[in-house]
């Protein structure tokens, strides 16, 4: 596996990985976790803030995981923090049976 960082000025270089990332996030957050997330063309409202993405890429060229890093702003931080705290924490079974800790 390898790690790829993708900042806004380089989004165009990694379109294939970004498209995979959007599909992966939709499957996890909208599908498996059933979060109420508004998505347009694979992106949600936080993608509009031009974050830097950290992607985990398999040897076969597939996105296996991702993290979105946002610049700090009071309104975005407050909304995210309140959403996480109001939802609480729970364990989510992973494909191999080991629980993943998640805010949901």
PDB file of N, CA and C in Angstrom:
ATOM      1  N   UNK A   1       0.835  -1.178   0.000  1.00  0.00           N
ATOM      2  CA  UNK A   1       0.000   0.000   0.000  1.00  0.00           C
ATOM      3  C   UNK A   1       0.880   1.242   0.000  1.00  0.00           C
ATOM      4  N   UNK A   2       0.275   2.327  -0.464  1.00  0.00           N
ATOM      5  CA  UNK A   2       0.972   3.606  -0.423  1.00  0.00           C
ATOM      6  C   UNK A   2      -0.006   4.688   0.014  1.00  0.00           C
ATOM      7  N   UNK A   3       0.544   5.791   0.470  1.00  0.00           N
ATOM      8  CA  UNK A   3      -0.243   6.929   0.916  1.00  0.00           C
ATOM      9  C   UNK A   3      -0.071   8.052  -0.105  1.00  0.00           C
ATOM     10  N   UNK A   4      -1.181   8.677  -0.452  1.00  0.00           N
ATOM     11  CA  UNK A   4      -1.169   9.786  -1.407  1.00  0.00           C
ATOM     12  C   UNK A   4      -1.865  10.972  -0.754  1.00  0.00           C
ATOM     13  N   UNK A   5      -1.234  12.139  -0.778  1.00  0.00           N
ATOM     14  CA  UNK A   5      -1.913  13.352  -0.331  1.00  0.00           C
ATOM     15  C   UNK A   5      -2.312  14.132  -1.570  1.00  0.00           C
ATOM     16  N   UNK A   6      -3.505  14.687  -1.531  1.00  0.00           N
ATOM     17  CA  UNK A   6      -4.041  15.406  -2.683  1.00  0.00           C
ATOM     18  C   UNK A   6      -4.635  16.731  -2.207  1.00  0.00           C
ATOM     19  N   UNK A   7      -3.890  17.805  -2.433  1.00  0.00           N
ATOM     20  CA  UNK A   7      -4.341  19.138  -2.030  1.00  0.00           C
ATOM     21  C   UNK A   7      -5.092  19.794  -3.191  1.00  0.00           C
ATOM     22  N   UNK A   8      -5.871  20.839  -2.903  1.00  0.00           N
ATOM     23  CA  UNK A   8      -6.713  21.437  -3.944  1.00  0.00           C
ATOM     24  C   UNK A   8      -5.972  21.805  -5.235  1.00  0.00           C
ATOM     25  N   UNK A   9      -4.769  22.302  -5.136  1.00  0.00           N
ATOM     26  CA  UNK A   9      -4.044  22.689  -6.346  1.00  0.00           C
ATOM     27  C   UNK A   9      -3.622  21.496  -7.195  1.00  0.00           C
ATOM     28  N   UNK A  10      -3.779  20.262  -6.673  1.00  0.00           N
ATOM     29  CA  UNK A  10      -3.383  19.065  -7.411  1.00  0.00           C
ATOM     30  C   UNK A  10      -4.540  18.111  -7.695  1.00  0.00           C
ATOM     31  N   UNK A  11      -5.785  18.537  -7.443  1.00  0.00           N
ATOM     32  CA  UNK A  11      -6.933  17.659  -7.667  1.00  0.00           C
ATOM     33  C   UNK A  11      -6.935  17.065  -9.072  1.00  0.00           C
ATOM     34  N   UNK A  12      -6.588  17.844 -10.071  1.00  0.00           N
ATOM     35  CA  UNK A  12      -6.631  17.381 -11.459  1.00  0.00           C
ATOM     36  C   UNK A  12      -5.689  16.233 -11.762  1.00  0.00           C
ATOM     37  N   UNK A  13      -4.651  16.076 -10.987  1.00  0.00           N
ATOM     38  CA  UNK A  13      -3.662  15.016 -11.227  1.00  0.00           C
ATOM     39  C   UNK A  13      -4.152  13.629 -10.819  1.00  0.00           C
ATOM     40  N   UNK A  14      -5.146  13.583  -9.951  1.00  0.00           N
ATOM     41  CA  UNK A  14      -5.557  12.307  -9.353  1.00  0.00           C
ATOM     42  C   UNK A  14      -7.056  12.071  -9.488  1.00  0.00           C
ATOM     43  N   UNK A  15      -7.640  12.399 -10.634  1.00  0.00           N
ATOM     44  CA  UNK A  15      -9.086  12.285 -10.821  1.00  0.00           C
ATOM     45  C   UNK A  15      -9.604  10.869 -10.583  1.00  0.00           C
ATOM     46  N   UNK A  16      -8.891   9.867 -11.044  1.00  0.00           N
ATOM     47  CA  UNK A  16      -9.333   8.479 -10.866  1.00  0.00           C
ATOM     48  C   UNK A  16      -9.437   8.128  -9.380  1.00  0.00           C
ATOM     49  N   UNK A  17      -8.427   8.521  -8.600  1.00  0.00           N
ATOM     50  CA  UNK A  17      -8.449   8.233  -7.168  1.00  0.00           C
ATOM     51  C   UNK A  17      -9.551   9.024  -6.466  1.00  0.00           C
ATOM     52  N   UNK A  18      -9.762  10.280  -6.872  1.00  0.00           N
ATOM     53  CA  UNK A  18     -10.813  11.081  -6.244  1.00  0.00           C
ATOM     54  C   UNK A  18     -12.185  10.480  -6.517  1.00  0.00           C
ATOM     55  N   UNK A  19     -12.422   9.996  -7.723  1.00  0.00           N
ATOM     56  CA  UNK A  19     -13.709   9.365  -8.036  1.00  0.00           C
ATOM     57  C   UNK A  19     -13.906   8.109  -7.200  1.00  0.00           C
ATOM     58  N   UNK A  20     -12.838   7.311  -7.040  1.00  0.00           N
ATOM     59  CA  UNK A  20     -12.927   6.118  -6.191  1.00  0.00           C
ATOM     60  C   UNK A  20     -13.230   6.505  -4.748  1.00  0.00           C
ATOM     61  N   UNK A  21     -12.594   7.586  -4.277  1.00  0.00           N
ATOM     62  CA  UNK A  21     -12.801   8.049  -2.906  1.00  0.00           C
ATOM     63  C   UNK A  21     -14.254   8.427  -2.680  1.00  0.00           C
ATOM     64  N   UNK A  22     -14.852   9.143  -3.640  1.00  0.00           N
ATOM     65  CA  UNK A  22     -16.260   9.534  -3.501  1.00  0.00           C
ATOM     66  C   UNK A  22     -17.158   8.300  -3.429  1.00  0.00           C
ATOM     67  N   UNK A  23     -16.885   7.294  -4.270  1.00  0.00           N
ATOM     68  CA  UNK A  23     -17.696   6.071  -4.239  1.00  0.00           C
ATOM     69  C   UNK A  23     -17.528   5.342  -2.914  1.00  0.00           C
ATOM     70  N   UNK A  24     -16.300   5.272  -2.416  1.00  0.00           N
ATOM     71  CA  UNK A  24     -16.028   4.600  -1.145  1.00  0.00           C
ATOM     72  C   UNK A  24     -16.749   5.301   0.003  1.00  0.00           C
ATOM     73  N   UNK A  25     -16.649   6.618   0.053  1.00  0.00           N
ATOM     74  CA  UNK A  25     -17.332   7.362   1.123  1.00  0.00           C
ATOM     75  C   UNK A  25     -18.838   7.186   1.052  1.00  0.00           C
ATOM     76  N   UNK A  26     -19.398   7.233  -0.154  1.00  0.00           N
ATOM     77  CA  UNK A  26     -20.852   7.054  -0.300  1.00  0.00           C
ATOM     78  C   UNK A  26     -21.274   5.684   0.209  1.00  0.00           C
ATOM     79  N   UNK A  27     -20.481   4.654  -0.102  1.00  0.00           N
ATOM     80  CA  UNK A  27     -20.806   3.297   0.330  1.00  0.00           C
ATOM     81  C   UNK A  27     -20.736   3.170   1.853  1.00  0.00           C
ATOM     82  N   UNK A  28     -19.737   3.790   2.465  1.00  0.00           N
ATOM     83  CA  UNK A  28     -19.561   3.670   3.915  1.00  0.00           C
ATOM     84  C   UNK A  28     -20.541   4.549   4.673  1.00  0.00           C
ATOM     85  N   UNK A  29     -20.545   5.840   4.387  1.00  0.00           N
ATOM     86  CA  UNK A  29     -21.339   6.763   5.191  1.00  0.00           C
ATOM     87  C   UNK A  29     -22.810   6.761   4.812  1.00  0.00           C
ATOM     88  N   UNK A  30     -23.114   6.778   3.530  1.00  0.00           N
ATOM     89  CA  UNK A  30     -24.510   6.776   3.109  1.00  0.00           C
ATOM     90  C   UNK A  30     -25.121   5.392   3.144  1.00  0.00           C
ATOM     91  N   UNK A  31     -24.314   4.379   2.812  1.00  0.00           N
ATOM     92  CA  UNK A  31     -24.810   3.006   2.758  1.00  0.00           C
ATOM     93  C   UNK A  31     -24.732   2.282   4.082  1.00  0.00           C
ATOM     94  N   UNK A  32     -23.543   1.862   4.458  1.00  0.00           N
ATOM     95  CA  UNK A  32     -23.365   1.030   5.645  1.00  0.00           C
ATOM     96  C   UNK A  32     -23.746   1.745   6.938  1.00  0.00           C
ATOM     97  N   UNK A  33     -23.328   3.013   7.097  1.00  0.00           N
ATOM     98  CA  UNK A  33     -23.619   3.733   8.337  1.00  0.00           C
ATOM     99  C   UNK A  33     -24.963   4.447   8.313  1.00  0.00           C
ATOM    100  N   UNK A  34     -25.533   4.598   7.136  1.00  0.00           N
ATOM    101  CA  UNK A  34     -26.834   5.243   6.933  1.00  0.00           C
ATOM    102  C   UNK A  34     -26.884   6.656   7.497  1.00  0.00           C
ATOM    103  N   UNK A  35     -25.780   7.417   7.348  1.00  0.00           N
ATOM    104  CA  UNK A  35     -25.775   8.814   7.773  1.00  0.00           C
ATOM    105  C   UNK A  35     -26.603   9.620   6.795  1.00  0.00           C
ATOM    106  N   UNK A  36     -27.264  10.644   7.296  1.00  0.00           N
ATOM    107  CA  UNK A  36     -28.056  11.543   6.464  1.00  0.00           C
ATOM    108  C   UNK A  36     -27.117  12.601   5.888  1.00  0.00           C
ATOM    109  N   UNK A  37     -26.499  12.274   4.748  1.00  0.00           N
ATOM    110  CA  UNK A  37     -25.521  13.143   4.107  1.00  0.00           C
ATOM    111  C   UNK A  37     -26.050  13.537   2.745  1.00  0.00           C
ATOM    112  N   UNK A  38     -26.058  14.834   2.476  1.00  0.00           N
ATOM    113  CA  UNK A  38     -26.479  15.324   1.169  1.00  0.00           C
ATOM    114  C   UNK A  38     -25.289  15.266   0.221  1.00  0.00           C
ATOM    115  N   UNK A  39     -25.415  14.487  -0.849  1.00  0.00           N
ATOM    116  CA  UNK A  39     -24.320  14.284  -1.788  1.00  0.00           C
ATOM    117  C   UNK A  39     -24.766  14.680  -3.189  1.00  0.00           C
ATOM    118  N   UNK A  40     -23.917  15.461  -3.877  1.00  0.00           N
ATOM    119  CA  UNK A  40     -24.160  15.845  -5.264  1.00  0.00           C
ATOM    120  C   UNK A  40     -22.921  15.490  -6.067  1.00  0.00           C
ATOM    121  N   UNK A  41     -23.093  14.672  -7.083  1.00  0.00           N
ATOM    122  CA  UNK A  41     -21.964  14.225  -7.911  1.00  0.00           C
ATOM    123  C   UNK A  41     -20.839  13.644  -7.063  1.00  0.00           C
ATOM    124  N   UNK A  42     -21.182  12.919  -5.996  1.00  0.00           N
ATOM    125  CA  UNK A  42     -20.204  12.258  -5.157  1.00  0.00           C
ATOM    126  C   UNK A  42     -19.616  13.117  -4.059  1.00  0.00           C
ATOM    127  N   UNK A  43     -19.907  14.411  -4.067  1.00  0.00           N
ATOM    128  CA  UNK A  43     -19.322  15.317  -3.077  1.00  0.00           C
ATOM    129  C   UNK A  43     -20.374  15.784  -2.076  1.00  0.00           C
ATOM    130  N   UNK A  44     -19.925  16.054  -0.835  1.00  0.00           N
ATOM    131  CA  UNK A  44     -20.824  16.631   0.166  1.00  0.00           C
ATOM    132  C   UNK A  44     -20.402  18.072   0.448  1.00  0.00           C
ATOM    133  N   UNK A  45     -21.079  18.729   1.379  1.00  0.00           N
ATOM    134  CA  UNK A  45     -20.833  20.151   1.621  1.00  0.00           C
ATOM    135  C   UNK A  45     -19.418  20.443   2.099  1.00  0.00           C
ATOM    136  N   UNK A  46     -18.752  19.488   2.718  1.00  0.00           N
ATOM    137  CA  UNK A  46     -17.401  19.738   3.208  1.00  0.00           C
ATOM    138  C   UNK A  46     -16.362  19.683   2.089  1.00  0.00           C
ATOM    139  N   UNK A  47     -16.680  19.016   0.995  1.00  0.00           N
ATOM    140  CA  UNK A  47     -15.773  19.009  -0.152  1.00  0.00           C
ATOM    141  C   UNK A  47     -15.707  20.386  -0.798  1.00  0.00           C
ATOM    142  N   UNK A  48     -16.758  21.190  -0.636  1.00  0.00           N
ATOM    143  CA  UNK A  48     -16.763  22.552  -1.166  1.00  0.00           C
ATOM    144  C   UNK A  48     -15.729  23.436  -0.469  1.00  0.00           C
ATOM    145  N   UNK A  49     -15.262  23.031   0.719  1.00  0.00           N
ATOM    146  CA  UNK A  49     -14.281  23.807   1.477  1.00  0.00           C
ATOM    147  C   UNK A  49     -12.853  23.543   1.001  1.00  0.00           C
ATOM    148  N   UNK A  50     -12.693  22.776  -0.070  1.00  0.00           N
ATOM    149  CA  UNK A  50     -11.388  22.479  -0.689  1.00  0.00           C
ATOM    150  C   UNK A  50     -10.387  21.868   0.295  1.00  0.00           C
ATOM    151  N   UNK A  51     -10.733  20.705   0.858  1.00  0.00           N
ATOM    152  CA  UNK A  51      -9.826  20.063   1.801  1.00  0.00           C
ATOM    153  C   UNK A  51      -8.631  19.407   1.100  1.00  0.00           C
ATOM    154  N   UNK A  52      -7.688  18.995   1.912  1.00  0.00           N
ATOM    155  CA  UNK A  52      -6.615  18.116   1.447  1.00  0.00           C
ATOM    156  C   UNK A  52      -7.040  16.708   1.819  1.00  0.00           C
ATOM    157  N   UNK A  53      -6.898  15.777   0.880  1.00  0.00           N
ATOM    158  CA  UNK A  53      -7.261  14.389   1.119  1.00  0.00           C
ATOM    159  C   UNK A  53      -6.005  13.560   1.318  1.00  0.00           C
ATOM    160  N   UNK A  54      -6.072  12.606   2.210  1.00  0.00           N
ATOM    161  CA  UNK A  54      -5.020  11.611   2.392  1.00  0.00           C
ATOM    162  C   UNK A  54      -5.661  10.278   2.020  1.00  0.00           C
ATOM    163  N   UNK A  55      -5.131   9.645   0.984  1.00  0.00           N
ATOM    164  CA  UNK A  55      -5.707   8.406   0.465  1.00  0.00           C
ATOM    165  C   UNK A  55      -4.751   7.247   0.680  1.00  0.00           C
ATOM    166  N   UNK A  56      -5.299   6.100   1.015  1.00  0.00           N
ATOM    167  CA  UNK A  56      -4.537   4.861   1.067  1.00  0.00           C
ATOM    168  C   UNK A  56      -4.832   4.117  -0.231  1.00  0.00           C
ATOM    169  N   UNK A  57      -3.788   3.822  -0.991  1.00  0.00           N
ATOM    170  CA  UNK A  57      -3.922   3.182  -2.302  1.00  0.00           C
ATOM    171  C   UNK A  57      -3.312   1.782  -2.239  1.00  0.00           C
ATOM    172  N   UNK A  58      -4.063   0.784  -2.690  1.00  0.00           N
ATOM    173  CA  UNK A  58      -3.544  -0.593  -2.700  1.00  0.00           C
ATOM    174  C   UNK A  58      -2.545  -0.766  -3.832  1.00  0.00           C
ATOM    175  N   UNK A  59      -1.818  -1.881  -3.801  1.00  0.00           N
ATOM    176  CA  UNK A  59      -0.877  -2.191  -4.875  1.00  0.00           C
ATOM    177  C   UNK A  59      -1.590  -2.301  -6.222  1.00  0.00           C
ATOM    178  N   UNK A  60      -2.872  -2.666  -6.191  1.00  0.00           N
ATOM    179  CA  UNK A  60      -3.650  -2.778  -7.419  1.00  0.00           C
ATOM    180  C   UNK A  60      -4.245  -1.461  -7.900  1.00  0.00           C
ATOM    181  N   UNK A  61      -3.949  -0.357  -7.207  1.00  0.00           N
ATOM    182  CA  UNK A  61      -4.417   0.952  -7.629  1.00  0.00           C
ATOM    183  C   UNK A  61      -5.812   1.313  -7.174  1.00  0.00           C
ATOM    184  N   UNK A  62      -6.300   0.651  -6.119  1.00  0.00           N
ATOM    185  CA  UNK A  62      -7.635   0.954  -5.589  1.00  0.00           C
ATOM    186  C   UNK A  62      -7.529   1.760  -4.300  1.00  0.00           C
ATOM    187  N   UNK A  63      -8.467   2.685  -4.111  1.00  0.00           N
ATOM    188  CA  UNK A  63      -8.510   3.458  -2.874  1.00  0.00           C
ATOM    189  C   UNK A  63      -9.099   2.566  -1.784  1.00  0.00           C
ATOM    190  N   UNK A  64      -8.314   2.347  -0.724  1.00  0.00           N
ATOM    191  CA  UNK A  64      -8.742   1.487   0.373  1.00  0.00           C
ATOM    192  C   UNK A  64      -9.201   2.284   1.580  1.00  0.00           C
ATOM    193  N   UNK A  65      -8.854   3.555   1.642  1.00  0.00           N
ATOM    194  CA  UNK A  65      -9.249   4.397   2.760  1.00  0.00           C
ATOM    195  C   UNK A  65      -8.936   5.840   2.452  1.00  0.00           C
ATOM    196  N   UNK A  66      -9.576   6.738   3.198  1.00  0.00           N
ATOM    197  CA  UNK A  66      -9.332   8.155   2.960  1.00  0.00           C
ATOM    198  C   UNK A  66      -9.609   8.972   4.218  1.00  0.00           C
ATOM    199  N   UNK A  67      -8.951  10.112   4.292  1.00  0.00           N
ATOM    200  CA  UNK A  67      -9.140  11.082   5.358  1.00  0.00           C
ATOM    201  C   UNK A  67      -9.230  12.436   4.686  1.00  0.00           C
ATOM    202  N   UNK A  68     -10.118  13.269   5.185  1.00  0.00           N
ATOM    203  CA  UNK A  68     -10.274  14.622   4.639  1.00  0.00           C
ATOM    204  C   UNK A  68      -9.796  15.609   5.698  1.00  0.00           C
ATOM    205  N   UNK A  69      -8.837  16.462   5.336  1.00  0.00           N
ATOM    206  CA  UNK A  69      -8.299  17.460   6.248  1.00  0.00           C
ATOM    207  C   UNK A  69      -8.846  18.829   5.857  1.00  0.00           C
ATOM    208  N   UNK A  70      -9.551  19.451   6.785  1.00  0.00           N
ATOM    209  CA  UNK A  70     -10.163  20.753   6.534  1.00  0.00           C
ATOM    210  C   UNK A  70      -9.417  21.849   7.280  1.00  0.00           C
ATOM    211  N   UNK A  71      -9.317  23.005   6.653  1.00  0.00           N
ATOM    212  CA  UNK A  71      -8.771  24.172   7.349  1.00  0.00           C
ATOM    213  C   UNK A  71      -9.748  24.542   8.456  1.00  0.00           C
ATOM    214  N   UNK A  72      -9.244  24.957   9.589  1.00  0.00           N
ATOM    215  CA  UNK A  72     -10.103  25.281  10.719  1.00  0.00           C
ATOM    216  C   UNK A  72     -10.916  26.546  10.488  1.00  0.00           C
ATOM    217  N   UNK A  73     -12.194  26.415  10.737  1.00  0.00           N
ATOM    218  CA  UNK A  73     -13.078  27.584  10.781  1.00  0.00           C
ATOM    219  C   UNK A  73     -14.136  27.267  11.821  1.00  0.00           C
ATOM    220  N   UNK A  74     -14.523  28.237  12.592  1.00  0.00           N
ATOM    221  CA  UNK A  74     -15.422  28.005  13.713  1.00  0.00           C
ATOM    222  C   UNK A  74     -16.710  27.330  13.288  1.00  0.00           C
ATOM    223  N   UNK A  75     -17.332  27.798  12.217  1.00  0.00           N
ATOM    224  CA  UNK A  75     -18.625  27.232  11.836  1.00  0.00           C
ATOM    225  C   UNK A  75     -18.498  25.780  11.392  1.00  0.00           C
ATOM    226  N   UNK A  76     -17.484  25.450  10.602  1.00  0.00           N
ATOM    227  CA  UNK A  76     -17.319  24.066  10.152  1.00  0.00           C
ATOM    228  C   UNK A  76     -16.945  23.160  11.319  1.00  0.00           C
ATOM    229  N   UNK A  77     -16.051  23.613  12.189  1.00  0.00           N
ATOM    230  CA  UNK A  77     -15.657  22.793  13.336  1.00  0.00           C
ATOM    231  C   UNK A  77     -16.825  22.587  14.287  1.00  0.00           C
ATOM    232  N   UNK A  78     -17.577  23.629  14.547  1.00  0.00           N
ATOM    233  CA  UNK A  78     -18.698  23.519  15.482  1.00  0.00           C
ATOM    234  C   UNK A  78     -19.743  22.548  14.955  1.00  0.00           C
ATOM    235  N   UNK A  79     -20.100  22.661  13.682  1.00  0.00           N
ATOM    236  CA  UNK A  79     -21.102  21.774  13.099  1.00  0.00           C
ATOM    237  C   UNK A  79     -20.635  20.324  13.168  1.00  0.00           C
ATOM    238  N   UNK A  80     -19.416  20.055  12.774  1.00  0.00           N
ATOM    239  CA  UNK A  80     -18.903  18.695  12.793  1.00  0.00           C
ATOM    240  C   UNK A  80     -18.867  18.148  14.214  1.00  0.00           C
ATOM    241  N   UNK A  81     -18.376  18.933  15.152  1.00  0.00           N
ATOM    242  CA  UNK A  81     -18.278  18.492  16.538  1.00  0.00           C
ATOM    243  C   UNK A  81     -19.661  18.200  17.100  1.00  0.00           C
ATOM    244  N   UNK A  82     -20.626  19.079  16.856  1.00  0.00           N
ATOM    245  CA  UNK A  82     -21.976  18.860  17.360  1.00  0.00           C
ATOM    246  C   UNK A  82     -22.613  17.624  16.737  1.00  0.00           C
ATOM    247  N   UNK A  83     -22.384  17.407  15.448  1.00  0.00           N
ATOM    248  CA  UNK A  83     -22.943  16.224  14.803  1.00  0.00           C
ATOM    249  C   UNK A  83     -22.367  14.954  15.414  1.00  0.00           C
ATOM    250  N   UNK A  84     -21.065  14.945  15.624  1.00  0.00           N
ATOM    251  CA  UNK A  84     -20.417  13.761  16.189  1.00  0.00           C
ATOM    252  C   UNK A  84     -20.889  13.516  17.617  1.00  0.00           C
ATOM    253  N   UNK A  85     -20.918  14.566  18.436  1.00  0.00           N
ATOM    254  CA  UNK A  85     -21.304  14.399  19.840  1.00  0.00           C
ATOM    255  C   UNK A  85     -22.766  13.994  19.997  1.00  0.00           C
ATOM    256  N   UNK A  86     -23.638  14.536  19.160  1.00  0.00           N
ATOM    257  CA  UNK A  86     -25.048  14.197  19.298  1.00  0.00           C
ATOM    258  C   UNK A  86     -25.325  12.758  18.880  1.00  0.00           C
ATOM    259  N   UNK A  87     -24.492  12.217  18.002  1.00  0.00           N
ATOM    260  CA  UNK A  87     -24.704  10.860  17.515  1.00  0.00           C
ATOM    261  C   UNK A  87     -24.150   9.811  18.472  1.00  0.00           C
ATOM    262  N   UNK A  88     -23.097  10.141  19.217  1.00  0.00           N
ATOM    263  CA  UNK A  88     -22.478   9.179  20.113  1.00  0.00           C
ATOM    264  C   UNK A  88     -21.571   8.214  19.359  1.00  0.00           C
ATOM    265  N   UNK A  89     -20.976   7.283  20.085  1.00  0.00           N
ATOM    266  CA  UNK A  89     -20.070   6.309  19.491  1.00  0.00           C
ATOM    267  C   UNK A  89     -20.697   4.924  19.522  1.00  0.00           C
ATOM    268  N   UNK A  90     -20.394   4.154  18.515  1.00  0.00           N
ATOM    269  CA  UNK A  90     -20.837   2.762  18.502  1.00  0.00           C
ATOM    270  C   UNK A  90     -19.819   1.942  17.722  1.00  0.00           C
ATOM    271  N   UNK A  91     -19.848   0.649  17.926  1.00  0.00           N
ATOM    272  CA  UNK A  91     -18.965  -0.241  17.176  1.00  0.00           C
ATOM    273  C   UNK A  91     -19.662  -0.691  15.906  1.00  0.00           C
ATOM    274  N   UNK A  92     -18.907  -0.735  14.850  1.00  0.00           N
ATOM    275  CA  UNK A  92     -19.434  -1.162  13.559  1.00  0.00           C
ATOM    276  C   UNK A  92     -18.657  -2.399  13.141  1.00  0.00           C
ATOM    277  N   UNK A  93     -19.345  -3.520  12.845  1.00  0.00           N
ATOM    278  CA  UNK A  93     -18.604  -4.705  12.437  1.00  0.00           C
ATOM    279  C   UNK A  93     -17.923  -4.486  11.100  1.00  0.00           C
ATOM    280  N   UNK A  94     -16.697  -4.917  11.001  1.00  0.00           N
ATOM    281  CA  UNK A  94     -15.920  -4.825   9.770  1.00  0.00           C
ATOM    282  C   UNK A  94     -16.005  -6.163   9.055  1.00  0.00           C
ATOM    283  N   UNK A  95     -15.567  -6.214   7.814  1.00  0.00           N
ATOM    284  CA  UNK A  95     -15.658  -7.445   7.026  1.00  0.00           C
ATOM    285  C   UNK A  95     -15.012  -8.640   7.707  1.00  0.00           C
ATOM    286  N   UNK A  96     -13.927  -8.419   8.454  1.00  0.00           N
ATOM    287  CA  UNK A  96     -13.248  -9.549   9.103  1.00  0.00           C
ATOM    288  C   UNK A  96     -13.805  -9.826  10.500  1.00  0.00           C
ATOM    289  N   UNK A  97     -14.881  -9.134  10.887  1.00  0.00           N
ATOM    290  CA  UNK A  97     -15.507  -9.370  12.174  1.00  0.00           C
ATOM    291  C   UNK A  97     -15.003  -8.487  13.290  1.00  0.00           C
ATOM    292  N   UNK A  98     -13.847  -7.829  13.097  1.00  0.00           N
ATOM    293  CA  UNK A  98     -13.305  -6.941  14.127  1.00  0.00           C
ATOM    294  C   UNK A  98     -14.086  -5.626  14.099  1.00  0.00           C
ATOM    295  N   UNK A  99     -14.495  -5.121  15.270  1.00  0.00           N
ATOM    296  CA  UNK A  99     -15.277  -3.885  15.279  1.00  0.00           C
ATOM    297  C   UNK A  99     -14.422  -2.667  14.930  1.00  0.00           C
ATOM    298  N   UNK A 100     -15.026  -1.728  14.249  1.00  0.00           N
ATOM    299  CA  UNK A 100     -14.407  -0.434  13.972  1.00  0.00           C
ATOM    300  C   UNK A 100     -15.128   0.565  14.851  1.00  0.00           C
ATOM    301  N   UNK A 101     -14.386   1.394  15.575  1.00  0.00           N
ATOM    302  CA  UNK A 101     -15.014   2.430  16.384  1.00  0.00           C
ATOM    303  C   UNK A 101     -15.320   3.607  15.498  1.00  0.00           C
ATOM    304  N   UNK A 102     -16.547   4.087  15.578  1.00  0.00           N
ATOM    305  CA  UNK A 102     -16.957   5.179  14.720  1.00  0.00           C
ATOM    306  C   UNK A 102     -17.946   6.075  15.433  1.00  0.00           C
ATOM    307  N   UNK A 103     -17.933   7.345  15.064  1.00  0.00           N
ATOM    308  CA  UNK A 103     -18.938   8.271  15.550  1.00  0.00           C
ATOM    309  C   UNK A 103     -20.121   8.174  14.616  1.00  0.00           C
ATOM    310  N   UNK A 104     -21.218   7.642  15.100  1.00  0.00           N
ATOM    311  CA  UNK A 104     -22.420   7.532  14.262  1.00  0.00           C
ATOM    312  C   UNK A 104     -23.619   7.357  15.154  1.00  0.00           C
TER     313      UNK A 104
END
